[in-house]
Protein backbone atom coordinates (compact mmCIF):
# COMPACT_ATOMS: atom_id res chain seq x y z
CA UNK A 1 -0.01 -0.01 0.14
CA UNK A 2 1.37 3.70 -1.05
CA UNK A 3 1.81 5.18 2.50
CA UNK A 4 1.64 8.57 0.53
CA UNK A 5 -1.77 7.91 -0.85
CA UNK A 6 -2.70 6.62 2.75
CA UNK A 7 -1.69 10.24 4.10
CA UNK A 8 -3.23 12.03 1.49
CA UNK A 9 -6.79 10.04 2.03
CA UNK A 10 -6.42 10.78 5.51
CA UNK A 11 -5.99 14.48 4.94
CA UNK A 12 -9.72 14.24 3.17
CA UNK A 13 -12.64 14.75 5.18
CA UNK A 14 -14.20 11.43 3.73
CA UNK A 15 -10.75 9.58 4.84
CA UNK A 16 -10.49 11.28 8.08
CA UNK A 17 -14.13 10.60 9.02
CA UNK A 18 -14.40 7.07 7.94
CA UNK A 19 -10.79 6.30 9.75
CA UNK A 20 -12.17 7.82 13.14
CA UNK A 21 -15.52 6.05 12.81
CA UNK A 22 -14.13 2.71 12.19
CA UNK A 23 -11.32 2.81 14.95
CA UNK A 24 -14.16 3.66 17.66
CA UNK A 25 -16.20 0.82 15.91
CA UNK A 26 -13.62 -1.62 16.48
CA UNK A 27 -12.42 -0.45 19.87
CA UNK A 28 -16.26 -0.73 20.63
CA UNK A 29 -16.56 -4.32 19.31
CA UNK A 30 -13.62 -5.65 20.96
CA UNK A 31 -14.95 -3.86 24.23
CA UNK A 32 -18.27 -5.62 23.47
CA UNK A 33 -16.98 -9.05 23.14
CA UNK A 34 -14.64 -9.03 25.90
CA UNK A 35 -17.50 -7.87 28.39
CA UNK A 36 -19.95 -10.46 26.93
CA UNK A 37 -22.38 -7.42 25.87
CA UNK A 38 -23.26 -9.05 22.54
CA UNK A 39 -24.84 -12.00 24.80
CA UNK A 40 -28.33 -10.48 24.08
CA UNK A 41 -27.63 -10.17 20.31
CA UNK A 42 -27.14 -13.99 20.27
CA UNK A 43 -29.01 -14.86 23.06
CA UNK A 44 -30.24 -18.37 21.34
CA UNK A 45 -30.82 -21.43 23.18
CA UNK A 46 -27.70 -23.59 23.02
CA UNK A 47 -25.78 -20.94 21.54
CA UNK A 48 -21.70 -21.77 21.78
CA UNK A 49 -19.75 -19.94 23.90
CA UNK A 50 -17.76 -18.55 20.99
CA UNK A 51 -20.65 -16.82 19.44
CA UNK A 52 -20.06 -13.02 20.89
CA UNK A 53 -16.37 -13.27 19.49
CA UNK A 54 -17.50 -14.82 16.20
CA UNK A 55 -19.81 -11.39 15.88
CA UNK A 56 -17.32 -9.14 17.00
CA UNK A 57 -14.68 -10.49 14.30
CA UNK A 58 -17.25 -10.39 11.81
CA UNK A 59 -18.21 -6.62 12.56
CA UNK A 60 -14.68 -5.75 12.59
CA UNK A 61 -13.77 -7.55 9.08
CA UNK A 62 -17.23 -5.34 7.87
CA UNK A 63 -15.45 -1.95 9.16
CA UNK A 64 -12.22 -3.09 7.48
CA UNK A 65 -13.45 -3.87 4.36
CA UNK A 66 -15.65 -0.80 4.50
CA UNK A 67 -12.04 1.31 5.06
CA UNK A 68 -10.44 -0.59 2.07
CA UNK A 69 -13.21 0.29 -0.36
CA UNK A 70 -12.99 3.89 0.55
CA UNK A 71 -9.45 4.10 0.17
CA UNK A 72 -9.25 2.16 -2.95
CA UNK A 73 -11.68 4.74 -4.82
CA UNK A 74 -9.50 7.31 -3.64
CA UNK A 75 -6.49 5.96 -4.82
CA UNK A 76 -7.37 5.29 -8.12
CA UNK A 77 -9.17 8.44 -8.77
CA UNK A 78 -7.26 10.78 -11.43
CA UNK A 79 -4.75 12.97 -9.97
CA UNK A 80 -1.86 15.00 -10.83
CA UNK A 81 1.50 14.08 -9.28
CA UNK A 82 3.74 16.48 -10.73
CA UNK A 83 1.97 20.06 -11.47
CA UNK A 84 4.97 21.61 -12.84
CA UNK A 85 4.70 19.01 -15.86
CA UNK A 86 1.52 20.75 -17.30
CA UNK A 87 2.49 24.25 -16.27
CA UNK A 88 2.72 26.66 -19.66
CA UNK A 89 5.54 29.09 -18.99
CA UNK A 90 5.22 32.23 -21.10
CA UNK A 91 8.81 32.16 -21.83
CA UNK A 92 9.29 28.51 -22.96
CA UNK A 93 8.84 27.58 -26.67
CA UNK A 94 7.49 24.24 -25.62
CA UNK A 95 4.31 26.46 -24.46
CA UNK A 96 3.31 26.84 -28.20
CA UNK A 97 1.47 23.69 -28.50
CA UNK A 98 -0.70 24.16 -31.75
CA UNK A 99 0.28 27.64 -32.39
CA UNK A 100 2.38 27.45 -35.57
CA UNK A 101 0.32 28.87 -37.83
CA UNK A 102 -0.59 31.61 -35.42
CA UNK A 103 3.11 32.40 -35.18
CA UNK A 104 3.91 32.79 -38.84
CA UNK A 105 0.81 35.08 -38.95
CA UNK A 106 1.64 37.19 -36.33
CA UNK A 107 5.48 37.33 -37.31
CA UNK A 108 4.04 38.46 -41.16
CA UNK A 109 1.93 41.09 -39.77
CA UNK A 110 4.41 43.01 -37.74
CA UNK A 111 6.90 42.63 -40.35
CA UNK A 112 4.54 44.09 -43.12
CA UNK A 113 2.12 46.47 -40.98
CA UNK A 114 3.57 49.05 -38.73
CA UNK A 115 0.49 48.52 -36.31
CA UNK A 116 -0.95 45.20 -35.23
CA UNK A 117 -3.73 45.16 -32.63
CA UNK A 118 -4.11 41.48 -31.35
CA UNK A 119 -6.92 40.20 -29.09
CA UNK A 120 -8.29 37.16 -27.38
CA UNK A 121 -9.78 35.15 -24.72
CA UNK A 122 -8.03 35.46 -21.28
CA UNK A 123 -5.69 32.43 -20.60
CA UNK A 124 -5.61 31.49 -24.53
CA UNK A 125 -1.91 31.93 -24.61
CA UNK A 126 -1.22 35.60 -26.03
CA UNK A 127 1.56 36.33 -23.62
CA UNK A 128 3.19 32.90 -24.35
CA UNK A 129 2.75 33.34 -28.17
CA UNK A 130 4.55 36.72 -28.12
CA UNK A 131 7.39 35.95 -25.44
CA UNK A 132 8.17 32.46 -26.32
CA UNK A 133 7.15 32.89 -30.26
CA UNK A 134 7.69 36.01 -31.77
CA UNK A 135 10.60 37.72 -29.54
CA UNK A 136 12.74 34.78 -29.98
CA UNK A 137 12.42 34.26 -33.40
CA UNK A 138 12.90 38.14 -33.99
CA UNK A 139 15.91 38.37 -32.41
CA UNK A 140 17.50 35.78 -34.76
CA UNK A 141 17.10 38.40 -37.55
CA UNK A 142 18.42 41.55 -38.15
CA UNK A 143 15.39 43.36 -38.84
CA UNK A 144 12.83 44.43 -36.08
CA UNK A 145 14.01 44.54 -32.48
CA UNK A 146 11.22 43.37 -30.08
CA UNK A 147 10.84 45.51 -27.42
CA UNK A 148 8.29 44.20 -24.84
CA UNK A 149 6.48 46.12 -22.33
CA UNK A 150 4.52 44.31 -19.64
CA UNK A 151 4.64 46.47 -16.30
CA UNK A 152 3.28 49.12 -17.09
CA UNK A 153 3.98 50.72 -13.21
CA UNK A 154 1.25 53.30 -11.63
CA UNK A 155 1.64 56.39 -13.52
CA UNK A 156 -0.35 57.26 -16.53
CA UNK A 157 2.79 58.89 -18.38
CA UNK A 158 5.70 57.96 -16.39
CA UNK A 159 4.72 54.24 -16.03
CA UNK A 160 5.01 53.30 -19.65
CA UNK A 161 7.98 55.81 -20.55
CA UNK A 162 10.23 54.25 -17.73
CA UNK A 163 9.31 50.57 -18.64
CA UNK A 164 10.20 51.29 -22.35
CA UNK A 165 13.26 52.91 -21.38
CA UNK A 166 14.46 49.82 -19.44
CA UNK A 167 13.12 47.27 -21.93
CA UNK A 168 14.80 48.64 -24.91
CA UNK A 169 18.12 48.55 -22.56
CA UNK A 170 17.66 44.94 -21.91
CA UNK A 171 16.64 43.82 -25.71
CA UNK A 172 19.85 44.48 -27.21
CA UNK A 173 22.96 42.40 -26.55
CA UNK A 174 26.03 43.23 -25.07
CA UNK A 175 27.56 43.66 -28.08
CA UNK A 176 25.15 45.92 -29.35
CA UNK A 177 25.22 48.10 -26.44
CA UNK A 178 28.82 48.51 -26.94
CA UNK A 179 28.23 49.68 -30.39
CA UNK A 180 25.27 52.14 -28.92
CA UNK A 181 27.62 53.49 -26.10
CA UNK A 182 25.23 52.22 -23.89
CA UNK A 183 27.68 51.62 -20.87
CA UNK A 184 25.31 52.37 -17.96
CA UNK A 185 21.64 51.13 -16.93
CA UNK A 186 19.45 54.18 -17.66
CA UNK A 187 18.26 56.38 -15.29
CA UNK A 188 14.64 55.24 -14.36
CA UNK A 189 14.11 57.97 -11.75
CA UNK A 190 14.76 61.23 -14.24
CA UNK A 191 11.72 63.55 -14.84
CA UNK A 192 9.42 63.04 -17.28
CA UNK A 193 10.88 65.42 -20.11
CA UNK A 194 14.34 63.36 -19.39
CA UNK A 195 12.63 59.96 -20.03
CA UNK A 196 10.99 61.28 -23.08
CA UNK A 197 14.27 62.56 -24.58
CA UNK A 198 16.24 59.56 -23.62
CA UNK A 199 13.45 57.37 -24.89
CA UNK A 200 13.19 59.19 -28.14
CA UNK A 201 17.35 58.98 -28.49
CA UNK A 202 17.30 55.13 -27.64
CA UNK A 203 14.83 54.47 -30.50
CA UNK A 204 16.25 56.47 -32.99
CA UNK A 205 19.83 54.81 -31.99
CA UNK A 206 18.62 51.54 -32.81
CA UNK A 207 17.70 52.53 -36.31
CA UNK A 208 20.63 54.63 -37.09
CA UNK A 209 23.38 52.53 -35.73
CA UNK A 210 22.09 49.11 -35.52
CA UNK A 211 20.05 49.28 -38.74
CA UNK A 212 17.17 47.65 -36.84
CA UNK A 213 13.29 49.09 -36.78
CA UNK A 214 12.36 48.66 -32.83
CA UNK A 215 8.96 46.87 -32.32
CA UNK A 216 7.24 47.84 -29.11
CA UNK A 217 5.08 45.25 -27.70
CA UNK A 218 2.46 46.50 -25.59
CA UNK A 219 1.30 43.51 -23.80
CA UNK A 220 -1.22 43.34 -20.89
CA UNK A 221 -2.55 46.61 -22.33
CA UNK A 222 -5.70 46.23 -20.86
CA UNK A 223 -3.93 46.05 -17.14
CA UNK A 224 -2.65 49.55 -18.00
CA UNK A 225 -5.84 50.80 -19.41
CA UNK A 226 -7.89 49.44 -16.47
CA UNK A 227 -5.66 51.33 -13.96
CA UNK A 228 -6.02 54.60 -15.80
CA UNK A 229 -9.59 53.82 -17.21
CA UNK A 230 -10.84 57.41 -16.91
CA UNK A 231 -7.53 58.92 -18.80
CA UNK A 232 -8.93 56.59 -21.78
CA UNK A 233 -12.32 58.38 -21.74
CA UNK A 234 -13.44 61.58 -23.54
CA UNK A 235 -15.90 63.94 -21.84
CA UNK A 236 -18.72 62.30 -23.54
CA UNK A 237 -17.87 58.69 -21.86
CA UNK A 238 -16.52 57.44 -25.37
CA UNK A 239 -13.06 56.21 -25.89
CA UNK A 240 -10.37 58.70 -26.69
CA UNK A 241 -9.27 58.84 -30.21
CA UNK A 242 -5.67 58.26 -31.07
CA UNK A 243 -5.20 62.04 -31.87
CA UNK A 244 -6.40 62.94 -28.61
CA UNK A 245 -4.59 60.15 -26.64
CA UNK A 246 -1.20 61.20 -28.13
CA UNK A 247 -2.05 65.24 -26.94
CA UNK A 248 -2.92 63.82 -23.25
CA UNK A 249 0.25 61.49 -22.88
CA UNK A 250 3.79 62.06 -23.96
CA UNK A 251 4.68 58.50 -24.24
CA UNK A 252 1.53 57.71 -26.77
CA UNK A 253 2.65 61.22 -28.38
CA UNK A 254 6.10 59.76 -28.97
CA UNK A 255 4.93 56.52 -30.29
CA UNK A 256 2.46 58.14 -32.71
CA UNK A 257 5.35 60.32 -33.92
CA UNK A 258 7.42 57.19 -34.53
CA UNK A 259 4.84 55.20 -36.32
CA UNK A 260 3.97 58.04 -38.56
CA UNK A 261 7.53 58.91 -39.66
CA UNK A 262 8.07 55.15 -40.23
CA UNK A 263 10.72 54.43 -37.91
CA UNK A 264 9.05 52.39 -35.05
CA UNK A 265 6.56 49.24 -35.21
CA UNK A 266 4.00 48.75 -32.24
CA UNK A 267 1.99 45.46 -31.53
CA UNK A 268 -0.86 46.14 -28.52
CA UNK A 269 -2.01 43.11 -26.99
CA UNK A 270 -5.58 42.88 -25.01
CA UNK A 271 -8.32 40.51 -24.01
CA UNK A 272 -11.20 40.26 -26.31
CA UNK A 273 -13.39 41.33 -23.68
CA UNK A 274 -11.66 44.82 -23.49
CA UNK A 275 -10.74 44.69 -27.22
CA UNK A 276 -13.14 48.06 -27.61
CA UNK A 277 -10.43 49.90 -25.83
CA UNK A 278 -8.06 49.46 -28.89
CA UNK A 279 -9.69 52.30 -30.74
CA UNK A 280 -7.36 54.83 -28.50
CA UNK A 281 -4.31 53.38 -30.18
CA UNK A 282 -5.64 53.39 -33.86
CA UNK A 283 -2.53 55.83 -34.77
CA UNK A 284 -2.58 54.48 -38.58
CA UNK A 285 -4.91 53.93 -41.42
CA UNK A 286 -6.05 50.44 -42.20
CA UNK A 287 -3.61 49.90 -45.04
CA UNK A 288 -0.82 50.28 -42.00
CA UNK A 289 -2.95 48.42 -39.39
CA UNK A 290 -3.57 44.43 -38.98
CA UNK A 291 -6.13 43.26 -36.49
CA UNK A 292 -5.77 39.79 -35.18
CA UNK A 293 -7.83 37.49 -32.88
CA UNK A 294 -6.26 34.62 -31.23
CA UNK A 295 -8.36 31.69 -30.89
CA UNK A 296 -8.12 28.88 -28.14
CA UNK A 297 -5.58 25.83 -28.84
CA UNK A 298 -7.71 22.87 -29.93
CA UNK A 299 -7.97 20.05 -27.40
CA UNK A 300 -5.99 17.62 -29.95
CA UNK A 301 -2.79 19.37 -29.09
CA UNK A 302 -2.88 18.65 -25.46
CA UNK A 303 -3.54 14.79 -25.76
CA UNK A 304 0.34 14.12 -27.26
CA UNK A 305 1.39 16.49 -24.24
CA UNK A 306 -0.34 14.31 -21.65
CA UNK A 307 0.83 11.02 -22.72
CA UNK A 308 4.44 11.86 -23.04
CA UNK A 309 4.33 13.00 -19.39
CA UNK A 310 2.83 10.32 -18.39
CA UNK A 311 5.57 8.09 -19.95
CA UNK A 312 8.26 10.11 -18.83
CA UNK A 313 9.13 8.36 -15.82
CA UNK A 314 8.53 4.88 -14.57
CA UNK A 315 9.07 5.88 -10.90
CA UNK A 316 7.98 9.20 -10.91
CA UNK A 317 4.42 9.13 -12.65
CA UNK A 318 2.81 12.67 -13.63
CA UNK A 319 -0.83 11.69 -14.05
CA UNK A 320 -2.82 8.79 -12.39
CA UNK A 321 -4.25 5.93 -14.49
CA UNK A 322 -7.64 7.11 -14.80
CA UNK A 323 -6.34 9.98 -16.88
CA UNK A 324 -5.18 7.59 -19.54
CA UNK A 325 -8.64 5.95 -20.12
CA UNK A 326 -10.12 9.56 -20.37
CA UNK A 327 -7.59 10.39 -23.20
CA UNK A 328 -8.41 7.14 -24.87
CA UNK A 329 -11.58 7.85 -25.33
CA UNK A 330 -11.28 11.18 -26.79
C-alpha cells in the first residue's frame, strides 16, 4: 500500500471521518466481545460460547472492508502527481502547442504592418505566443528589434516611459550596447522630460546605429488601461481617439510620431472582452494596421503532451491511471 496515498486519503474529510468511525467501532466491538455485551444479540438457546467473539470478528471485518473500499476508490482517482509537468511558461517555446500557424501569421503582420492590434480570450496564450514565439524569432534576424513592455507601473505617463526605456536597454545584446555606447543602466528616476528624451534617443539609435527598426510590444495593455480607465475616456464617456491620446500623454505622443515617421512598429495585446478600447491606439490608417484575434488551442494538441508526460518517468508518474482512460476515449 502506498503510504503517500494513505496520508493524502487521511487528509481528506471523507478519509478522516471514516477512519475515526472505524477506529471507534473496532474498539467498541472488542470491548463488547470481552465484556459479553453481545450476549443479548446472540441470545439463542444452546448458543456456543464462541458466538459473541464471532460476532465481534465479523463486525471488525466489515469495518475493515468498508475502509478498504473507500481508500481504493480514492487511490484510483485521477490525480496530478507533478503539476510542473503541465505548467505552461510564457518564455518556454514548448508552451506553443498548436500555435505554428498563429506564430507565422503574427510575424508576417508585424513585419508588413506598422501597427498590429491582437486580442484573444483570457488565458488563451497571447503572452506565451509573444514571449516564447515572436520575440525569440525576431531576435534571430536583423530586422525588427522586439521591445516588450509588460509592467506598466502606476503612473499614467511615467509608467510606460520608464518601462519602455528599461525594456529597450535589455532588448539589445552586450555587443550591441557597446556599439550604441550604452555603458550604464538607464536612469529610471529621471523627470518626465528626461525620460521622453532618453527613450526617443534610444529608439533613433537602434535605427541609425544598429540598422534595426524597434517593435514596441504593449503586452497586457488592458491592465494599463484599466488602471487609468478615466484617462482613456473623452468627456462624453466614449473612448479617446488616437490623436487625443497622443495630445494627452507624452509616451503615446512619442509612439504616434515614431509610427507616422516609419521608424517604429507597435504591437498591442489585450483581452477580447476589452478589445473595444483598442480604438484609442489606432494611430495609423487601415492600410498600415492589422487586427488579429487569437483563438484557443484545439484539445487535440493537449493529448500528446499528456501522454508524453505520463510516460516520462516510470518511477515518478505525472498523472494517475484514470487520465489515460479519459484520453483514450477522446
